Amino acid sequence: MTNQTPLDDVEFLARSPHRVEVLQTLMSGPWSRPDLHDETGISQPTLGRVLGSLQERNWVEQTGRTYALTALGELVAEEFTDLLDTVETVQRLGKVISLLPTEQMDFDVRLFGDATVTTPTTGDAFRHVRRVEDLVYDADHLRLLSTTVAPGSPEDHLERIEKFLAGDQVVESVLTINTLDQSFADPEIADIFAEVMSFDRVRLYLYEGTIPQMVGVADGVAFLVPFDDQGIPAAVIETTNPTIRSWADKTIDEYIENSIALTADTLSI
């Protein structure tokens, strides 16, 4: 084994899901071979070969009838598991991760490991858009960087506003000039919009620059909606990770600090 390179050992693990599963199972503590068999479902002959090869590398040691990770085995198991988690995150985020403003994020993108990613599919091009609508319109408390008006007919917009008027949703949102112009394009919606602004549970702000992506926090769930190079929403990424949620809140706060508070009297700005 002295001529093994690091890549040789990585390949050794990557070639066999059974080896990885045994290492990860042993991370919880010593196991007997029968218990390992029951836990993993790996056949006894295969399990024997796996344990033997792990012992050869000094990653696993046998004491009596139990097997446990050595200090080296613990290190390998932890690092390889981290690698698998990272690759799994990258695979799920796919091309979406390249659209995220990672240079503006003061956290490790691996924290997206538990995130839910909704993207359009061949049979459902608006699946991610509907998910954003669910997050925005069903939340009791919403904070949002709004980059565009939600799609739909004037009737759809009126129905959403009427639902808001009948409920008790609290909204804090930063709008761009483009978003505001779209909202006031329909006179009927503009009148209702002005009425909404009179509610104490609504705080709206006008940001005179551009907002590169939609960022929101809906009932404690942080979500990001990156746009492709044509300005079309590409996906929605949502997570309850506290670090990402804190980043989202801080980002919204920073935009609010650089925005104008909107009231019925300031709509002419």
C-alpha atoms as a PDB file:
ATOM      1  CA  MET A   1       0.000   0.000   0.000  1.00  0.00           C
ATOM      2  CA  THR A   2       3.022   2.331   0.282  1.00  0.00           C
ATOM      3  CA  ASN A   3       2.890   3.241  -3.425  1.00  0.00           C
ATOM      4  CA  GLN A   4      -0.710   4.437  -3.246  1.00  0.00           C
ATOM      5  CA  THR A   5      -1.367   8.043  -4.243  1.00  0.00           C
ATOM      6  CA  PRO A   6      -4.212  10.124  -2.765  1.00  0.00           C
ATOM      7  CA  LEU A   7      -6.095   9.737  -6.048  1.00  0.00           C
ATOM      8  CA  ASP A   8      -5.719   5.969  -5.802  1.00  0.00           C
ATOM      9  CA  ASP A   9      -7.500   5.977  -2.448  1.00  0.00           C
ATOM     10  CA  VAL A  10     -10.203   8.350  -3.696  1.00  0.00           C
ATOM     11  CA  GLU A  11     -10.775   6.043  -6.664  1.00  0.00           C
ATOM     12  CA  PHE A  12     -10.777   3.049  -4.313  1.00  0.00           C
ATOM     13  CA  LEU A  13     -13.702   4.552  -2.420  1.00  0.00           C
ATOM     14  CA  ALA A  14     -15.508   6.015  -5.423  1.00  0.00           C
ATOM     15  CA  ARG A  15     -15.559   2.633  -7.202  1.00  0.00           C
ATOM     16  CA  SER A  16     -17.547   1.005  -4.419  1.00  0.00           C
ATOM     17  CA  PRO A  17     -20.668   2.464  -2.786  1.00  0.00           C
ATOM     18  CA  HIS A  18     -20.402  -0.433  -0.301  1.00  0.00           C
ATOM     19  CA  ARG A  19     -17.044   0.827   1.000  1.00  0.00           C
ATOM     20  CA  VAL A  20     -18.451   4.317   1.432  1.00  0.00           C
ATOM     21  CA  GLU A  21     -21.570   3.009   3.167  1.00  0.00           C
ATOM     22  CA  VAL A  22     -19.539   0.900   5.619  1.00  0.00           C
ATOM     23  CA  LEU A  23     -17.264   3.838   6.453  1.00  0.00           C
ATOM     24  CA  GLN A  24     -20.222   6.154   6.965  1.00  0.00           C
ATOM     25  CA  THR A  25     -22.018   3.592   9.127  1.00  0.00           C
ATOM     26  CA  LEU A  26     -18.943   3.130  11.293  1.00  0.00           C
ATOM     27  CA  MET A  27     -18.829   6.904  11.861  1.00  0.00           C
ATOM     28  CA  SER A  28     -21.502   6.387  14.521  1.00  0.00           C
ATOM     29  CA  GLY A  29     -19.279   3.989  16.527  1.00  0.00           C
ATOM     30  CA  PRO A  30     -18.225   0.311  16.659  1.00  0.00           C
ATOM     31  CA  TRP A  31     -20.429  -2.269  14.936  1.00  0.00           C
ATOM     32  CA  SER A  32     -20.421  -6.031  14.835  1.00  0.00           C
ATOM     33  CA  ARG A  33     -20.343  -7.675  11.424  1.00  0.00           C
ATOM     34  CA  PRO A  34     -23.884  -9.126  11.758  1.00  0.00           C
ATOM     35  CA  ASP A  35     -25.212  -5.689  12.734  1.00  0.00           C
ATOM     36  CA  LEU A  36     -23.399  -4.077   9.807  1.00  0.00           C
ATOM     37  CA  HIS A  37     -24.987  -6.651   7.531  1.00  0.00           C
ATOM     38  CA  ASP A  38     -28.461  -5.917   8.941  1.00  0.00           C
ATOM     39  CA  GLU A  39     -27.945  -2.143   8.717  1.00  0.00           C
ATOM     40  CA  THR A  40     -26.480  -1.943   5.221  1.00  0.00           C
ATOM     41  CA  GLY A  41     -28.008  -4.979   3.529  1.00  0.00           C
ATOM     42  CA  ILE A  42     -24.585  -5.816   2.075  1.00  0.00           C
ATOM     43  CA  SER A  43     -24.130  -9.566   1.634  1.00  0.00           C
ATOM     44  CA  GLN A  44     -21.845 -11.277   4.120  1.00  0.00           C
ATOM     45  CA  PRO A  45     -19.175 -12.255   1.520  1.00  0.00           C
ATOM     46  CA  THR A  46     -19.062  -8.735   0.096  1.00  0.00           C
ATOM     47  CA  LEU A  47     -19.051  -7.218   3.585  1.00  0.00           C
ATOM     48  CA  GLY A  48     -16.101  -9.403   4.519  1.00  0.00           C
ATOM     49  CA  ARG A  49     -14.134  -8.197   1.488  1.00  0.00           C
ATOM     50  CA  VAL A  50     -15.026  -4.569   2.197  1.00  0.00           C
ATOM     51  CA  LEU A  51     -13.943  -4.776   5.831  1.00  0.00           C
ATOM     52  CA  GLY A  52     -10.745  -6.547   4.842  1.00  0.00           C
ATOM     53  CA  SER A  53      -9.790  -3.894   2.292  1.00  0.00           C
ATOM     54  CA  LEU A  54     -10.535  -1.102   4.767  1.00  0.00           C
ATOM     55  CA  GLN A  55      -8.398  -2.830   7.385  1.00  0.00           C
ATOM     56  CA  GLU A  56      -5.534  -3.092   4.880  1.00  0.00           C
ATOM     57  CA  ARG A  57      -5.539   0.685   4.610  1.00  0.00           C
ATOM     58  CA  ASN A  58      -5.647   1.072   8.394  1.00  0.00           C
ATOM     59  CA  TRP A  59      -8.986   2.835   8.174  1.00  0.00           C
ATOM     60  CA  VAL A  60     -10.841   0.162  10.139  1.00  0.00           C
ATOM     61  CA  GLU A  61      -9.715  -1.968  13.066  1.00  0.00           C
ATOM     62  CA  GLN A  62     -11.245  -5.079  14.588  1.00  0.00           C
ATOM     63  CA  THR A  63     -11.487  -5.608  18.325  1.00  0.00           C
ATOM     64  CA  GLY A  64     -13.038  -8.929  19.236  1.00  0.00           C
ATOM     65  CA  ARG A  65     -16.205  -9.175  17.200  1.00  0.00           C
ATOM     66  CA  THR A  66     -16.613  -5.451  16.527  1.00  0.00           C
ATOM     67  CA  TYR A  67     -15.261  -3.135  13.871  1.00  0.00           C
ATOM     68  CA  ALA A  68     -14.500   0.553  14.343  1.00  0.00           C
ATOM     69  CA  LEU A  69     -12.867   3.396  12.478  1.00  0.00           C
ATOM     70  CA  THR A  70      -9.276   4.229  13.274  1.00  0.00           C
ATOM     71  CA  ALA A  71      -8.269   7.877  13.604  1.00  0.00           C
ATOM     72  CA  LEU A  72      -7.243   7.788   9.946  1.00  0.00           C
ATOM     73  CA  GLY A  73     -10.532   6.152   9.009  1.00  0.00           C
ATOM     74  CA  GLU A  74     -12.487   8.859  10.822  1.00  0.00           C
ATOM     75  CA  LEU A  75     -10.624  11.543   8.893  1.00  0.00           C
ATOM     76  CA  VAL A  76     -11.180   9.824   5.545  1.00  0.00           C
ATOM     77  CA  ALA A  77     -14.862   9.158   6.268  1.00  0.00           C
ATOM     78  CA  GLU A  78     -15.540  12.742   7.336  1.00  0.00           C
ATOM     79  CA  GLU A  79     -13.709  14.337   4.423  1.00  0.00           C
ATOM     80  CA  PHE A  80     -15.161  11.981   1.819  1.00  0.00           C
ATOM     81  CA  THR A  81     -18.665  12.549   3.181  1.00  0.00           C
ATOM     82  CA  ASP A  82     -18.098  16.311   2.936  1.00  0.00           C
ATOM     83  CA  LEU A  83     -16.963  15.843  -0.667  1.00  0.00           C
ATOM     84  CA  LEU A  84     -20.074  13.819  -1.502  1.00  0.00           C
ATOM     85  CA  ASP A  85     -22.278  16.485   0.098  1.00  0.00           C
ATOM     86  CA  THR A  86     -20.547  19.195  -1.915  1.00  0.00           C
ATOM     87  CA  VAL A  87     -20.891  17.305  -5.205  1.00  0.00           C
ATOM     88  CA  GLU A  88     -24.531  16.520  -4.452  1.00  0.00           C
ATOM     89  CA  THR A  89     -25.170  20.228  -3.816  1.00  0.00           C
ATOM     90  CA  VAL A  90     -23.469  21.200  -7.072  1.00  0.00           C
ATOM     91  CA  GLN A  91     -25.474  18.596  -9.009  1.00  0.00           C
ATOM     92  CA  ARG A  92     -28.780  19.827  -7.596  1.00  0.00           C
ATOM     93  CA  LEU A  93     -27.955  23.479  -8.158  1.00  0.00           C
ATOM     94  CA  GLY A  94     -26.635  22.634 -11.602  1.00  0.00           C
ATOM     95  CA  LYS A  95     -26.328  25.670 -13.834  1.00  0.00           C
ATOM     96  CA  VAL A  96     -28.267  27.734 -11.319  1.00  0.00           C
ATOM     97  CA  ILE A  97     -25.232  28.183  -9.083  1.00  0.00           C
ATOM     98  CA  SER A  98     -23.420  30.095 -11.838  1.00  0.00           C
ATOM     99  CA  LEU A  99     -26.266  32.637 -11.820  1.00  0.00           C
ATOM    100  CA  LEU A 100     -25.966  33.359  -8.099  1.00  0.00           C
ATOM    101  CA  PRO A 101     -24.055  36.485  -7.029  1.00  0.00           C
ATOM    102  CA  THR A 102     -21.639  34.385  -4.994  1.00  0.00           C
ATOM    103  CA  GLU A 103     -19.206  37.299  -4.781  1.00  0.00           C
ATOM    104  CA  GLN A 104     -21.831  39.127  -2.700  1.00  0.00           C
ATOM    105  CA  MET A 105     -22.459  36.197  -0.369  1.00  0.00           C
ATOM    106  CA  ASP A 106     -20.464  36.112   2.845  1.00  0.00           C
ATOM    107  CA  PHE A 107     -21.121  32.404   3.410  1.00  0.00           C
ATOM    108  CA  ASP A 108     -20.009  29.092   1.943  1.00  0.00           C
ATOM    109  CA  VAL A 109     -22.286  28.010  -0.931  1.00  0.00           C
ATOM    110  CA  ARG A 110     -22.153  24.500   0.537  1.00  0.00           C
ATOM    111  CA  LEU A 111     -24.739  25.775   3.008  1.00  0.00           C
ATOM    112  CA  PHE A 112     -27.193  25.339   0.144  1.00  0.00           C
ATOM    113  CA  GLY A 113     -26.765  21.594   0.704  1.00  0.00           C
ATOM    114  CA  ASP A 114     -30.252  21.238   2.197  1.00  0.00           C
ATOM    115  CA  ALA A 115     -31.898  23.757  -0.118  1.00  0.00           C
ATOM    116  CA  THR A 116     -34.891  22.957  -2.295  1.00  0.00           C
ATOM    117  CA  VAL A 117     -34.317  23.907  -5.928  1.00  0.00           C
ATOM    118  CA  THR A 118     -37.283  24.299  -8.266  1.00  0.00           C
ATOM    119  CA  THR A 119     -36.548  24.722 -11.960  1.00  0.00           C
ATOM    120  CA  PRO A 120     -38.667  24.730 -15.104  1.00  0.00           C
ATOM    121  CA  THR A 121     -39.107  21.419 -16.873  1.00  0.00           C
ATOM    122  CA  THR A 122     -39.915  20.493 -20.448  1.00  0.00           C
ATOM    123  CA  GLY A 123     -43.501  19.778 -19.512  1.00  0.00           C
ATOM    124  CA  ASP A 124     -43.898  22.635 -17.031  1.00  0.00           C
ATOM    125  CA  ALA A 125     -42.042  25.802 -17.963  1.00  0.00           C
ATOM    126  CA  PHE A 126     -43.597  27.841 -15.129  1.00  0.00           C
ATOM    127  CA  ARG A 127     -43.155  25.396 -12.254  1.00  0.00           C
ATOM    128  CA  HIS A 128     -40.609  27.641 -10.501  1.00  0.00           C
ATOM    129  CA  VAL A 129     -42.755  30.745 -11.041  1.00  0.00           C
ATOM    130  CA  ARG A 130     -45.739  29.113  -9.331  1.00  0.00           C
ATOM    131  CA  ARG A 131     -43.494  28.142  -6.417  1.00  0.00           C
ATOM    132  CA  VAL A 132     -42.430  31.783  -6.019  1.00  0.00           C
ATOM    133  CA  GLU A 133     -46.084  32.817  -6.038  1.00  0.00           C
ATOM    134  CA  ASP A 134     -46.840  30.284  -3.290  1.00  0.00           C
ATOM    135  CA  LEU A 135     -44.011  31.652  -1.150  1.00  0.00           C
ATOM    136  CA  VAL A 136     -44.955  35.290  -1.740  1.00  0.00           C
ATOM    137  CA  TYR A 137     -48.729  35.139  -1.475  1.00  0.00           C
ATOM    138  CA  ASP A 138     -49.183  32.446   1.182  1.00  0.00           C
ATOM    139  CA  ALA A 139     -46.743  33.845   3.760  1.00  0.00           C
ATOM    140  CA  ASP A 140     -47.971  35.521   6.930  1.00  0.00           C
ATOM    141  CA  HIS A 141     -44.848  37.691   7.003  1.00  0.00           C
ATOM    142  CA  LEU A 142     -42.951  38.568   3.826  1.00  0.00           C
ATOM    143  CA  ARG A 143     -39.761  40.527   3.186  1.00  0.00           C
ATOM    144  CA  LEU A 144     -38.848  40.905  -0.480  1.00  0.00           C
ATOM    145  CA  LEU A 145     -36.567  42.486  -3.036  1.00  0.00           C
ATOM    146  CA  SER A 146     -39.059  42.674  -5.885  1.00  0.00           C
ATOM    147  CA  THR A 147     -37.442  42.732  -9.306  1.00  0.00           C
ATOM    148  CA  THR A 148     -40.568  42.404 -11.425  1.00  0.00           C
ATOM    149  CA  VAL A 149     -44.324  42.183 -11.240  1.00  0.00           C
ATOM    150  CA  ALA A 150     -45.712  38.674 -10.933  1.00  0.00           C
ATOM    151  CA  PRO A 151     -46.995  37.281 -14.242  1.00  0.00           C
ATOM    152  CA  GLY A 152     -50.691  37.032 -14.854  1.00  0.00           C
ATOM    153  CA  SER A 153     -53.700  38.824 -16.249  1.00  0.00           C
ATOM    154  CA  PRO A 154     -55.215  41.952 -14.647  1.00  0.00           C
ATOM    155  CA  GLU A 155     -57.835  39.647 -13.162  1.00  0.00           C
ATOM    156  CA  ASP A 156     -55.066  37.567 -11.542  1.00  0.00           C
ATOM    157  CA  HIS A 157     -53.527  40.690 -10.006  1.00  0.00           C
ATOM    158  CA  LEU A 158     -56.872  41.905  -8.717  1.00  0.00           C
ATOM    159  CA  GLU A 159     -57.565  38.505  -7.169  1.00  0.00           C
ATOM    160  CA  ARG A 160     -54.208  38.581  -5.380  1.00  0.00           C
ATOM    161  CA  ILE A 161     -54.780  42.077  -4.067  1.00  0.00           C
ATOM    162  CA  GLU A 162     -58.279  41.192  -2.874  1.00  0.00           C
ATOM    163  CA  LYS A 163     -56.850  38.160  -1.072  1.00  0.00           C
ATOM    164  CA  PHE A 164     -54.323  40.433   0.603  1.00  0.00           C
ATOM    165  CA  LEU A 165     -57.011  42.923   1.637  1.00  0.00           C
ATOM    166  CA  ALA A 166     -59.067  40.130   3.181  1.00  0.00           C
ATOM    167  CA  GLY A 167     -56.126  38.666   5.099  1.00  0.00           C
ATOM    168  CA  ASP A 168     -53.561  39.878   7.605  1.00  0.00           C
ATOM    169  CA  GLN A 169     -50.293  39.393   5.714  1.00  0.00           C
ATOM    170  CA  VAL A 170     -47.422  41.696   6.738  1.00  0.00           C
ATOM    171  CA  VAL A 171     -45.303  42.846   3.790  1.00  0.00           C
ATOM    172  CA  GLU A 172     -42.014  44.694   3.607  1.00  0.00           C
ATOM    173  CA  SER A 173     -40.838  45.042   0.023  1.00  0.00           C
ATOM    174  CA  VAL A 174     -38.277  46.967  -2.002  1.00  0.00           C
ATOM    175  CA  LEU A 175     -39.438  47.848  -5.513  1.00  0.00           C
ATOM    176  CA  THR A 176     -37.548  49.130  -8.524  1.00  0.00           C
ATOM    177  CA  ILE A 177     -38.819  51.926 -10.731  1.00  0.00           C
ATOM    178  CA  ASN A 178     -39.531  49.333 -13.414  1.00  0.00           C
ATOM    179  CA  THR A 179     -41.629  47.289 -10.987  1.00  0.00           C
ATOM    180  CA  LEU A 180     -43.552  50.378  -9.931  1.00  0.00           C
ATOM    181  CA  ASP A 181     -44.199  51.394 -13.536  1.00  0.00           C
ATOM    182  CA  GLN A 182     -45.527  47.925 -14.324  1.00  0.00           C
ATOM    183  CA  SER A 183     -47.783  48.022 -11.270  1.00  0.00           C
ATOM    184  CA  PHE A 184     -49.313  51.349 -12.301  1.00  0.00           C
ATOM    185  CA  ALA A 185     -49.747  50.477 -15.972  1.00  0.00           C
ATOM    186  CA  ASP A 186     -53.325  49.356 -15.258  1.00  0.00           C
ATOM    187  CA  PRO A 187     -55.375  52.202 -13.684  1.00  0.00           C
ATOM    188  CA  GLU A 188     -57.630  49.834 -11.750  1.00  0.00           C
ATOM    189  CA  ILE A 189     -54.653  48.024 -10.230  1.00  0.00           C
ATOM    190  CA  ALA A 190     -52.999  51.380  -9.525  1.00  0.00           C
ATOM    191  CA  ASP A 191     -56.020  52.505  -7.482  1.00  0.00           C
ATOM    192  CA  ILE A 192     -56.048  49.308  -5.444  1.00  0.00           C
ATOM    193  CA  PHE A 193     -52.250  49.509  -5.070  1.00  0.00           C
ATOM    194  CA  ALA A 194     -52.632  52.972  -3.528  1.00  0.00           C
ATOM    195  CA  GLU A 195     -55.231  51.575  -1.127  1.00  0.00           C
ATOM    196  CA  VAL A 196     -52.894  48.764  -0.101  1.00  0.00           C
ATOM    197  CA  MET A 197     -50.197  51.299   0.728  1.00  0.00           C
ATOM    198  CA  SER A 198     -52.449  52.836   3.378  1.00  0.00           C
ATOM    199  CA  PHE A 199     -52.296  49.664   5.450  1.00  0.00           C
ATOM    200  CA  ASP A 200     -49.993  49.711   8.487  1.00  0.00           C
ATOM    201  CA  ARG A 201     -48.955  46.140   7.689  1.00  0.00           C
ATOM    202  CA  VAL A 202     -47.431  47.241   4.380  1.00  0.00           C
ATOM    203  CA  ARG A 203     -44.052  48.943   4.095  1.00  0.00           C
ATOM    204  CA  LEU A 204     -42.825  49.618   0.570  1.00  0.00           C
ATOM    205  CA  TYR A 205     -39.573  51.185  -0.590  1.00  0.00           C
ATOM    206  CA  LEU A 206     -38.414  52.472  -3.961  1.00  0.00           C
ATOM    207  CA  TYR A 207     -34.872  51.581  -5.031  1.00  0.00           C
ATOM    208  CA  GLU A 208     -33.703  53.674  -7.965  1.00  0.00           C
ATOM    209  CA  GLY A 209     -31.053  51.232  -9.154  1.00  0.00           C
ATOM    210  CA  THR A 210     -31.333  47.677 -10.418  1.00  0.00           C
ATOM    211  CA  ILE A 211     -31.798  44.564  -8.310  1.00  0.00           C
ATOM    212  CA  PRO A 212     -29.867  41.623  -9.822  1.00  0.00           C
ATOM    213  CA  GLN A 213     -32.066  38.886  -8.377  1.00  0.00           C
ATOM    214  CA  MET A 214     -35.153  38.416  -6.266  1.00  0.00           C
ATOM    215  CA  VAL A 215     -34.352  37.782  -2.610  1.00  0.00           C
ATOM    216  CA  GLY A 216     -37.028  37.099  -0.035  1.00  0.00           C
ATOM    217  CA  VAL A 217     -37.805  35.750   3.407  1.00  0.00           C
ATOM    218  CA  ALA A 218     -41.267  34.210   3.746  1.00  0.00           C
ATOM    219  CA  ASP A 219     -42.182  33.016   7.225  1.00  0.00           C
ATOM    220  CA  GLY A 220     -38.527  32.294   7.984  1.00  0.00           C
ATOM    221  CA  VAL A 221     -37.793  30.591   4.652  1.00  0.00           C
ATOM    222  CA  ALA A 222     -35.134  32.393   2.622  1.00  0.00           C
ATOM    223  CA  PHE A 223     -35.502  32.183  -1.139  1.00  0.00           C
ATOM    224  CA  LEU A 224     -33.509  33.424  -4.099  1.00  0.00           C
ATOM    225  CA  VAL A 225     -34.666  33.741  -7.685  1.00  0.00           C
ATOM    226  CA  PRO A 226     -31.680  34.194 -10.035  1.00  0.00           C
ATOM    227  CA  PHE A 227     -32.185  35.381 -13.601  1.00  0.00           C
ATOM    228  CA  ASP A 228     -30.545  34.100 -16.760  1.00  0.00           C
ATOM    229  CA  ASP A 229     -28.681  36.303 -19.230  1.00  0.00           C
ATOM    230  CA  GLN A 230     -31.994  37.218 -20.869  1.00  0.00           C
ATOM    231  CA  GLY A 231     -33.469  38.469 -17.611  1.00  0.00           C
ATOM    232  CA  ILE A 232     -35.812  35.490 -17.226  1.00  0.00           C
ATOM    233  CA  PRO A 233     -36.241  33.790 -13.814  1.00  0.00           C
ATOM    234  CA  ALA A 234     -34.223  30.577 -13.968  1.00  0.00           C
ATOM    235  CA  ALA A 235     -35.159  28.861 -10.707  1.00  0.00           C
ATOM    236  CA  VAL A 236     -36.140  29.375  -7.101  1.00  0.00           C
ATOM    237  CA  ILE A 237     -33.814  28.216  -4.336  1.00  0.00           C
ATOM    238  CA  GLU A 238     -35.313  28.053  -0.864  1.00  0.00           C
ATOM    239  CA  THR A 239     -33.766  27.155   2.460  1.00  0.00           C
ATOM    240  CA  THR A 240     -34.269  27.465   6.211  1.00  0.00           C
ATOM    241  CA  ASN A 241     -30.517  27.557   6.840  1.00  0.00           C
ATOM    242  CA  PRO A 242     -30.078  30.276   9.509  1.00  0.00           C
ATOM    243  CA  THR A 243     -26.886  31.671   7.975  1.00  0.00           C
ATOM    244  CA  ILE A 244     -28.459  32.096   4.539  1.00  0.00           C
ATOM    245  CA  ARG A 245     -31.637  33.485   6.084  1.00  0.00           C
ATOM    246  CA  SER A 246     -29.547  36.016   8.029  1.00  0.00           C
ATOM    247  CA  TRP A 247     -27.754  36.984   4.804  1.00  0.00           C
ATOM    248  CA  ALA A 248     -31.094  37.467   3.033  1.00  0.00           C
ATOM    249  CA  ASP A 249     -32.417  39.689   5.829  1.00  0.00           C
ATOM    250  CA  LYS A 250     -29.197  41.713   5.853  1.00  0.00           C
ATOM    251  CA  THR A 251     -29.293  42.120   2.069  1.00  0.00           C
ATOM    252  CA  ILE A 252     -32.885  43.371   2.181  1.00  0.00           C
ATOM    253  CA  ASP A 253     -31.973  45.764   5.017  1.00  0.00           C
ATOM    254  CA  GLU A 254     -29.104  47.192   2.962  1.00  0.00           C
ATOM    255  CA  TYR A 255     -31.419  47.895   0.028  1.00  0.00           C
ATOM    256  CA  ILE A 256     -33.972  49.505   2.346  1.00  0.00           C
ATOM    257  CA  GLU A 257     -31.286  51.821   3.724  1.00  0.00           C
ATOM    258  CA  ASN A 258     -30.606  53.014   0.172  1.00  0.00           C
ATOM    259  CA  SER A 259     -34.252  53.343  -0.846  1.00  0.00           C
ATOM    260  CA  ILE A 260     -37.059  55.874  -0.504  1.00  0.00           C
ATOM    261  CA  ALA A 261     -39.996  54.959   1.713  1.00  0.00           C
ATOM    262  CA  LEU A 262     -43.117  54.917  -0.431  1.00  0.00           C
ATOM    263  CA  THR A 263     -46.419  56.392   0.696  1.00  0.00           C
ATOM    264  CA  ALA A 264     -49.485  57.523  -1.189  1.00  0.00           C
ATOM    265  CA  ASP A 265     -47.977  61.028  -1.138  1.00  0.00           C
ATOM    266  CA  THR A 266     -44.637  59.978  -2.644  1.00  0.00           C
ATOM    267  CA  LEU A 267     -45.945  57.953  -5.563  1.00  0.00           C
ATOM    268  CA  SER A 268     -45.284  60.838  -7.895  1.00  0.00           C
ATOM    269  CA  ILE A 269     -41.489  60.520  -7.277  1.00  0.00           C
END
